[in-house]
Protein backbone atom coordinates (compact mmCIF):
# COMPACT_ATOMS: atom_id res chain seq x y z
CA MET A 1 40.75 -200.91 4.19
CA SER A 2 38.28 -202.43 1.74
CA SER A 3 39.31 -202.52 -1.92
CA LEU A 4 36.07 -200.65 -2.61
CA HIS A 5 37.44 -197.64 -0.72
CA SER A 6 41.20 -197.97 -1.17
CA PRO A 7 43.19 -195.20 -2.90
CA ASP A 8 42.81 -195.32 -6.64
CA THR A 9 46.07 -195.58 -8.60
CA TRP A 10 44.46 -195.83 -12.06
CA ASP A 11 45.34 -192.85 -14.26
CA VAL A 12 42.67 -192.21 -16.90
CA LYS A 13 45.11 -189.97 -18.78
CA ARG A 14 48.00 -192.47 -18.87
CA LEU A 15 46.59 -195.77 -20.06
CA PRO A 16 48.75 -198.89 -20.47
CA ARG A 17 49.93 -199.67 -23.98
CA ALA A 18 48.07 -202.36 -25.90
CA GLU A 19 49.83 -202.72 -29.26
CA GLY A 20 48.87 -205.90 -31.09
CA LYS A 21 45.53 -206.23 -29.32
CA ASN A 22 42.11 -206.13 -30.98
CA PHE A 23 39.12 -204.44 -29.34
CA LEU A 24 35.54 -204.34 -30.66
CA VAL A 25 33.23 -201.56 -29.42
CA THR A 26 29.55 -201.88 -30.28
CA GLY A 27 27.97 -198.49 -30.88
CA GLY A 28 31.45 -197.00 -31.10
CA ASN A 29 30.37 -194.38 -33.61
CA ALA A 30 28.71 -191.95 -31.19
CA GLY A 31 28.16 -190.93 -27.58
CA ILE A 32 29.99 -192.75 -24.81
CA GLY A 33 30.95 -195.55 -27.19
CA TYR A 34 32.87 -193.09 -29.35
CA PHE A 35 35.02 -192.02 -26.38
CA VAL A 36 35.57 -195.63 -25.32
CA ALA A 37 36.89 -196.30 -28.82
CA GLU A 38 38.98 -193.13 -28.92
CA GLN A 39 40.63 -193.85 -25.57
CA LEU A 40 41.34 -197.47 -26.49
CA ALA A 41 42.78 -196.35 -29.83
CA GLY A 42 45.23 -194.18 -27.91
CA THR A 43 46.85 -197.32 -26.46
CA GLY A 44 48.08 -198.51 -29.86
CA ALA A 45 45.50 -201.30 -30.14
CA THR A 46 43.37 -201.95 -33.20
CA VAL A 47 39.83 -200.77 -32.49
CA ILE A 48 36.84 -201.95 -34.51
CA LEU A 49 33.67 -199.87 -34.39
CA GLY A 50 30.45 -201.87 -34.64
CA SER A 51 27.64 -199.71 -36.03
CA ARG A 52 24.47 -200.18 -38.06
CA ASP A 53 25.17 -196.86 -39.85
CA THR A 54 28.27 -197.17 -42.03
CA ALA A 55 28.48 -193.43 -42.76
CA LYS A 56 28.43 -192.52 -39.06
CA ALA A 57 31.02 -195.18 -38.32
CA GLU A 58 33.33 -193.77 -40.98
CA ALA A 59 32.88 -190.26 -39.56
CA ALA A 60 33.83 -191.60 -36.13
CA ARG A 61 36.89 -193.34 -37.58
CA VAL A 62 38.04 -190.08 -39.17
CA ALA A 63 37.43 -188.16 -35.92
CA ILE A 64 39.41 -190.67 -33.85
CA ARG A 65 42.33 -190.55 -36.26
CA ALA A 66 42.28 -186.74 -36.13
CA HIS A 67 42.47 -186.84 -32.33
CA VAL A 68 44.82 -189.85 -32.11
CA PRO A 69 47.29 -189.59 -35.02
CA GLY A 70 48.21 -192.99 -36.40
CA ALA A 71 45.31 -194.74 -34.65
CA HIS A 72 44.39 -198.18 -35.95
CA VAL A 73 40.61 -197.94 -36.38
CA ARG A 74 38.15 -199.59 -38.72
CA HIS A 75 34.47 -200.46 -38.64
CA ILE A 76 32.01 -203.22 -39.43
CA ARG A 77 28.28 -203.05 -39.96
CA LEU A 78 26.48 -204.31 -36.86
CA ASP A 79 22.70 -204.26 -36.38
CA LEU A 80 21.97 -205.79 -32.99
CA ALA A 81 18.22 -205.67 -33.63
CA ASP A 82 18.61 -208.12 -36.53
CA LEU A 83 19.63 -211.47 -35.08
CA SER A 84 20.05 -213.07 -38.51
CA SER A 85 22.76 -210.52 -39.44
CA LEU A 86 25.09 -211.16 -36.50
CA LYS A 87 27.02 -214.05 -38.02
CA GLY A 88 27.93 -211.85 -40.98
CA SER A 89 29.10 -209.11 -38.63
CA ALA A 90 31.32 -211.51 -36.71
CA ASP A 91 32.75 -212.86 -39.98
CA ALA A 92 33.44 -209.29 -41.14
CA LEU A 93 35.86 -208.82 -38.25
CA LYS A 94 38.35 -211.01 -40.14
CA LEU A 95 40.29 -211.66 -36.95
CA GLU A 96 41.99 -214.69 -35.48
CA ARG A 97 41.79 -213.30 -31.94
CA LEU A 98 39.72 -210.77 -30.04
CA ASP A 99 41.18 -209.37 -26.82
CA ALA A 100 38.04 -207.57 -25.68
CA VAL A 101 34.56 -206.62 -26.77
CA VAL A 102 32.73 -203.68 -25.18
CA TYR A 103 28.97 -204.09 -25.33
CA ASN A 104 28.12 -200.41 -25.37
CA ALA A 105 25.45 -199.97 -28.08
CA GLY A 106 21.99 -199.14 -26.87
CA VAL A 107 18.65 -197.67 -27.89
CA LEU A 108 16.55 -195.37 -25.70
CA LEU A 109 13.14 -194.42 -27.06
CA ASP A 110 11.57 -191.25 -25.66
CA GLN A 111 7.89 -192.05 -26.07
CA PRO A 112 5.37 -194.69 -27.17
CA PRO A 113 4.28 -196.51 -29.24
CA ARG A 114 6.04 -199.77 -28.45
CA ARG A 115 8.19 -200.88 -31.39
CA VAL A 116 9.28 -204.38 -32.37
CA THR A 117 12.02 -205.84 -34.55
CA GLU A 118 11.49 -208.15 -37.51
CA ASP A 119 12.06 -211.01 -35.07
CA GLY A 120 9.08 -209.77 -33.07
CA ASN A 121 11.09 -208.58 -30.06
CA GLU A 122 10.59 -205.23 -28.34
CA LEU A 123 13.18 -202.89 -29.86
CA MET A 124 15.06 -201.74 -26.76
CA PHE A 125 15.17 -205.20 -25.16
CA ALA A 126 16.25 -206.66 -28.52
CA THR A 127 19.03 -204.15 -29.17
CA ASN A 128 20.36 -203.55 -25.68
CA HIS A 129 20.23 -207.13 -24.44
CA LEU A 130 19.24 -209.88 -26.87
CA GLY A 131 21.55 -208.68 -29.66
CA HIS A 132 24.57 -208.65 -27.37
CA PHE A 133 23.57 -212.00 -25.88
CA ALA A 134 23.42 -213.56 -29.35
CA LEU A 135 26.57 -211.79 -30.58
CA THR A 136 28.50 -213.47 -27.77
CA TRP A 137 27.76 -216.85 -29.34
CA TRP A 138 29.31 -215.73 -32.64
CA LEU A 139 32.32 -214.10 -30.94
CA ALA A 140 32.99 -217.01 -28.56
CA PRO A 141 35.55 -218.79 -30.80
CA LEU A 142 37.60 -215.58 -31.17
CA LEU A 143 37.44 -214.88 -27.44
CA THR A 144 38.40 -218.47 -26.63
CA ALA A 145 41.40 -218.22 -28.95
CA THR A 146 42.68 -215.23 -26.94
CA PRO A 147 44.07 -215.89 -23.45
CA VAL A 148 42.42 -213.76 -20.74
CA SER A 149 40.12 -212.00 -23.21
CA ARG A 150 37.35 -209.81 -21.82
CA VAL A 151 33.65 -209.21 -22.39
CA VAL A 152 32.74 -205.79 -20.97
CA THR A 153 29.02 -205.18 -20.67
CA THR A 154 27.89 -201.58 -20.24
CA GLY A 155 24.81 -201.28 -18.09
CA SER A 156 23.08 -198.22 -16.68
CA PHE A 157 22.87 -196.45 -13.33
CA THR A 158 19.07 -196.44 -13.73
CA ALA A 159 18.98 -200.23 -13.99
CA LYS A 160 20.12 -200.66 -10.39
CA SER A 161 16.81 -199.28 -9.06
CA GLU A 162 14.62 -201.28 -11.47
CA SER A 163 13.22 -204.81 -11.29
CA LEU A 164 12.33 -207.40 -13.92
CA ASP A 165 9.00 -209.07 -14.60
CA LEU A 166 10.06 -212.47 -15.90
CA ASP A 167 6.57 -213.01 -17.30
CA ASP A 168 6.77 -209.78 -19.29
CA LEU A 169 10.43 -209.24 -20.19
CA GLN A 170 9.44 -207.47 -23.41
CA SER A 171 6.94 -205.06 -21.86
CA THR A 172 3.91 -206.28 -23.76
CA ARG A 173 1.57 -205.37 -20.87
CA ASP A 174 3.38 -202.48 -19.20
CA TYR A 175 5.23 -200.42 -21.79
CA ARG A 176 6.74 -197.22 -20.46
CA PRO A 177 9.79 -196.27 -22.55
CA LYS A 178 12.16 -195.18 -19.78
CA ARG A 179 11.20 -198.10 -17.57
CA THR A 180 11.49 -200.55 -20.46
CA TYR A 181 14.95 -199.14 -21.24
CA ALA A 182 16.10 -199.53 -17.61
CA ARG A 183 14.78 -203.08 -17.53
CA SER A 184 16.62 -203.95 -20.74
CA LYS A 185 19.85 -202.65 -19.20
CA LEU A 186 19.22 -204.62 -16.01
CA ALA A 187 18.81 -207.76 -18.12
CA GLN A 188 22.06 -206.91 -19.87
CA MET A 189 23.93 -206.46 -16.57
CA LEU A 190 22.54 -209.73 -15.21
CA PHE A 191 23.73 -211.39 -18.42
CA GLY A 192 27.26 -210.04 -17.93
CA LEU A 193 27.45 -211.37 -14.38
CA GLU A 194 25.92 -214.73 -15.28
CA LEU A 195 28.27 -215.02 -18.26
CA ASP A 196 31.27 -214.84 -15.94
CA ARG A 197 29.85 -217.55 -13.68
CA ARG A 198 29.37 -219.82 -16.69
CA LEU A 199 32.83 -219.04 -18.06
CA ARG A 200 34.36 -219.99 -14.71
CA ALA A 201 32.31 -223.20 -14.63
CA VAL A 202 33.85 -224.41 -17.91
CA GLY A 203 37.38 -223.31 -17.02
CA SER A 204 37.56 -220.49 -19.57
CA THR A 205 40.17 -217.75 -19.14
CA THR A 206 37.79 -215.18 -20.69
CA LEU A 207 36.54 -212.63 -18.14
CA SER A 208 33.12 -211.01 -18.13
CA VAL A 209 32.98 -207.61 -16.44
CA VAL A 210 30.03 -205.24 -15.98
CA THR A 211 30.29 -201.44 -15.96
CA HIS A 212 28.00 -198.45 -15.97
CA PRO A 213 28.84 -194.89 -17.06
CA GLY A 214 26.96 -192.89 -14.44
CA GLY A 215 25.31 -189.73 -15.73
CA ALA A 216 26.58 -187.91 -18.81
CA LEU A 217 25.48 -184.92 -20.87
CA ASP A 218 26.34 -183.75 -24.38
CA SER A 219 26.69 -180.17 -23.10
CA LEU A 220 29.61 -181.25 -20.88
CA THR A 221 31.26 -183.31 -23.61
CA PRO A 222 34.25 -181.99 -25.61
CA ALA A 223 33.65 -181.46 -29.30
CA ARG A 224 34.70 -184.15 -31.77
CA PRO A 225 33.58 -182.89 -35.18
CA PRO A 226 31.74 -184.15 -37.09
CA VAL A 227 30.66 -186.77 -34.53
CA HIS A 228 29.87 -184.28 -31.77
CA LEU A 229 29.63 -180.49 -32.10
CA ARG A 230 29.25 -178.15 -29.13
CA THR A 231 28.58 -174.43 -29.13
CA THR A 232 29.80 -171.98 -26.51
CA GLY A 233 26.21 -171.46 -25.40
CA GLU A 234 25.69 -175.17 -24.83
CA ARG A 235 28.94 -175.39 -22.88
CA LEU A 236 27.95 -172.52 -20.59
CA ARG A 237 24.44 -173.90 -20.03
CA GLY A 238 25.95 -177.24 -19.08
CA LEU A 239 28.28 -175.85 -16.39
CA PRO A 240 25.78 -176.09 -13.47
CA ALA A 241 25.06 -179.72 -14.34
CA GLY A 242 28.78 -180.41 -14.09
CA LEU A 243 28.42 -180.35 -10.30
CA LEU A 244 26.38 -183.56 -10.51
CA LEU A 245 26.99 -185.10 -13.91
CA GLN A 246 29.94 -185.49 -16.27
CA SER A 247 30.98 -185.56 -19.91
CA LYS A 248 30.60 -188.59 -22.13
CA GLU A 249 34.41 -188.63 -22.33
CA ALA A 250 34.55 -189.24 -18.56
CA ALA A 251 31.61 -191.65 -18.72
CA ALA A 252 33.77 -193.91 -20.91
CA TRP A 253 36.34 -194.41 -18.14
CA PRO A 254 34.75 -197.43 -16.38
CA ALA A 255 34.54 -199.46 -19.61
CA VAL A 256 38.08 -198.50 -20.63
CA ARG A 257 39.42 -199.54 -17.25
CA ALA A 258 37.51 -202.83 -17.45
CA VAL A 259 39.25 -203.55 -20.76
CA LEU A 260 42.79 -202.54 -19.80
CA ASP A 261 43.41 -202.79 -16.05
CA PRO A 262 45.21 -206.06 -15.22
CA SER A 263 43.76 -205.97 -11.70
CA VAL A 264 40.19 -206.25 -12.97
CA ARG A 265 38.55 -209.62 -12.31
CA GLY A 266 35.59 -211.36 -13.88
CA GLY A 267 32.22 -210.88 -12.23
CA GLN A 268 33.03 -207.35 -11.04
CA LEU A 269 31.01 -204.14 -11.42
CA TRP A 270 32.81 -200.86 -12.16
CA GLY A 271 31.32 -197.37 -12.16
CA PRO A 272 32.06 -193.72 -11.33
CA ARG A 273 33.44 -192.91 -7.87
CA VAL A 274 31.08 -190.09 -6.79
CA PHE A 275 27.70 -191.57 -5.83
CA GLY A 276 27.96 -193.83 -8.87
CA ILE A 277 27.20 -190.82 -11.08
CA ARG A 278 30.48 -189.07 -11.89
CA GLY A 279 34.22 -189.29 -11.34
CA LEU A 280 37.05 -191.79 -11.65
CA PRO A 281 36.16 -195.47 -12.19
CA ILE A 282 36.09 -197.68 -9.09
CA LEU A 283 34.93 -201.13 -8.09
CA GLU A 284 31.32 -201.17 -6.83
CA PRO A 285 29.51 -203.68 -4.62
CA ILE A 286 26.94 -205.91 -6.33
CA ARG A 287 23.61 -205.64 -4.54
CA GLY A 288 19.89 -206.18 -5.00
CA ASP A 289 18.69 -207.87 -8.16
CA LEU A 290 22.20 -207.85 -9.58
CA ALA A 291 23.24 -210.24 -6.81
CA ASP A 292 20.32 -212.62 -7.50
CA THR A 293 21.96 -215.58 -9.22
CA GLU A 294 18.65 -217.41 -9.68
CA LEU A 295 17.17 -214.38 -11.45
CA ALA A 296 20.24 -214.12 -13.68
CA ALA A 297 19.99 -217.82 -14.62
CA ARG A 298 16.31 -217.41 -15.49
CA VAL A 299 17.03 -214.34 -17.64
CA TRP A 300 19.76 -216.35 -19.39
CA ALA A 301 17.35 -219.22 -20.09
CA ALA A 302 14.70 -216.84 -21.42
CA SER A 303 17.25 -215.08 -23.64
CA SER A 304 18.50 -218.40 -24.98
CA GLY A 305 14.93 -219.35 -25.84
CA LEU A 306 14.29 -216.06 -27.65
CA THR A 307 17.54 -216.15 -29.66
CA GLY A 308 17.90 -219.90 -30.13
CA LEU A 309 21.50 -219.62 -28.89
CA ASP A 310 23.48 -220.36 -25.73
CA PRO A 311 26.72 -218.31 -25.85
CA CYS A 312 28.73 -220.64 -23.64
CA SER A 313 27.93 -223.67 -25.82
CA ASN A 314 30.20 -222.23 -28.55
CA LEU A 315 33.33 -221.95 -26.43
CA GLY A 316 34.84 -225.33 -27.33
């Protein structure tokens, strides 16, 4: 029986202990990222929330500690859209080792106009992909100092049905917010897979793993005041959607497994069991554009040119 369809022994409610380990979660102050951080905090590890909003990060820290008594949680300011700020964010970690980073933060704009960062990059592409690409350069020494550390890149189910225009990665000619978002997440997933190939090529023990959360709704998500509030009416309205989608708590499971499961290997893709949309986290096949190594290498080269950095060059 293929490992893709073998019985799943991973228990999302009984995670392995991880005392003494350090995990960074970008965008850990809200949404799926919050539940990734909360679940990792329950293992006894130290969890650092990376967020551009310090007040929201502190609210998330308080909420996690209320749900996980004694949790070791702190936060740093992290603005992925500002490339010049990333060194300061990495320095603010004040760590000698980093066991895993979960690249979860993302921006989804609902409508035009197209927005750009101070660096001149389209906002979603800059935040979802370029910021994480550049942050890897600054985190590389910490990851290298930690045997079998992990980089977990959170993609999107929608990215798997999208394609990239290498001549218009930043949607200057064809800006449609949802499509631009999906393309930014596809670039991010290609980065995660290419990162593992490059790590293997230089003999690094750091693993790069790609995940996606499937489909998740706030109305199905348990309350975590003040980070997430849910009324009875919202809960009832969300029940029909529960047949197809899931809560953001469940959507965190693939990333959490990618961080903690000793059977996980670099270069893998993990997502929800049921049609890739909901359910327990399982290993998925890598198909289509995600399997295109030439495309991934070209996206890497373009990203290096836009950021002025090559993450793997800082591993020594």
